[in-house]
Protein backbone atom coordinates (compact mmCIF):
# COMPACT_ATOMS: atom_id res chain seq x y z
CA UNK A 1 -48.44 80.48 -16.97
CA UNK A 2 -48.77 77.75 -20.10
CA UNK A 3 -50.50 79.33 -22.88
CA UNK A 4 -54.45 78.99 -23.38
CA UNK A 5 -54.22 77.56 -27.05
CA UNK A 6 -51.11 77.13 -29.64
CA UNK A 7 -51.96 80.65 -31.08
CA UNK A 8 -50.35 81.75 -28.02
CA UNK A 9 -47.56 79.70 -28.02
CA UNK A 10 -46.36 80.85 -31.03
CA UNK A 11 -46.98 84.26 -30.80
CA UNK A 12 -45.02 83.40 -27.27
CA UNK A 13 -42.40 81.50 -29.72
CA UNK A 14 -41.50 85.06 -32.05
CA UNK A 15 -41.37 87.23 -29.09
CA UNK A 16 -39.60 85.32 -27.33
CA UNK A 17 -37.45 84.85 -30.46
CA UNK A 18 -36.85 88.65 -30.90
CA UNK A 19 -35.72 89.35 -27.46
CA UNK A 20 -32.83 86.91 -27.91
CA UNK A 21 -32.04 89.40 -30.70
CA UNK A 22 -32.62 85.80 -32.91
CA UNK A 23 -35.35 87.18 -34.93
CA UNK A 24 -35.19 91.31 -35.58
CA UNK A 25 -38.38 92.70 -33.42
CA UNK A 26 -39.61 94.38 -37.14
CA UNK A 27 -41.21 91.46 -38.24
CA UNK A 28 -43.17 90.65 -34.87
CA UNK A 29 -47.12 92.06 -35.47
CA UNK A 30 -50.11 91.72 -33.53
CA UNK A 31 -50.37 89.43 -29.77
CA UNK A 32 -46.45 88.74 -30.77
CA UNK A 33 -45.17 92.37 -30.55
CA UNK A 34 -47.49 92.94 -27.60
CA UNK A 35 -45.96 89.64 -25.89
CA UNK A 36 -42.23 91.33 -26.87
CA UNK A 37 -43.56 94.76 -24.89
CA UNK A 38 -44.46 93.53 -22.05
CA UNK A 39 -43.26 90.35 -21.05
CA UNK A 40 -40.03 89.11 -19.74
CA UNK A 41 -38.02 86.52 -21.26
CA UNK A 42 -38.63 84.32 -18.61
CA UNK A 43 -42.64 84.60 -18.89
CA UNK A 44 -42.25 84.00 -22.61
CA UNK A 45 -39.97 80.72 -21.95
CA UNK A 46 -43.27 79.74 -20.15
CA UNK A 47 -45.30 80.34 -22.46
CA UNK A 48 -43.68 79.22 -25.89
CA UNK A 49 -42.53 75.85 -24.01
CA UNK A 50 -46.26 74.66 -23.54
CA UNK A 51 -46.99 71.52 -25.54
CA UNK A 52 -49.33 71.91 -28.33
CA UNK A 53 -50.85 68.70 -27.85
CA UNK A 54 -54.52 69.48 -26.45
CA UNK A 55 -54.61 72.76 -26.51
CA UNK A 56 -57.40 74.39 -29.47
CA UNK A 57 -56.14 76.45 -32.28
CA UNK A 58 -57.52 79.26 -30.95
CA UNK A 59 -59.09 80.20 -27.33
CA UNK A 60 -61.58 83.76 -27.27
CA UNK A 61 -60.19 86.42 -26.92
CA UNK A 62 -56.74 85.55 -27.95
CA UNK A 63 -54.92 87.82 -30.59
């Protein structure tokens, strides 16, 4: 499932980076922290790899 907004895509990228041990989990906050805790690495990669082209900055309901 692709990300629905640029904000969601960036949050997934941050969570994916932490899942892979590239950044400390303590640096995550908000949506990225929730995504880290509830999504698999494959799911995060799917969201994070979504192209920004045509995506709104934020969608109602995104955190």
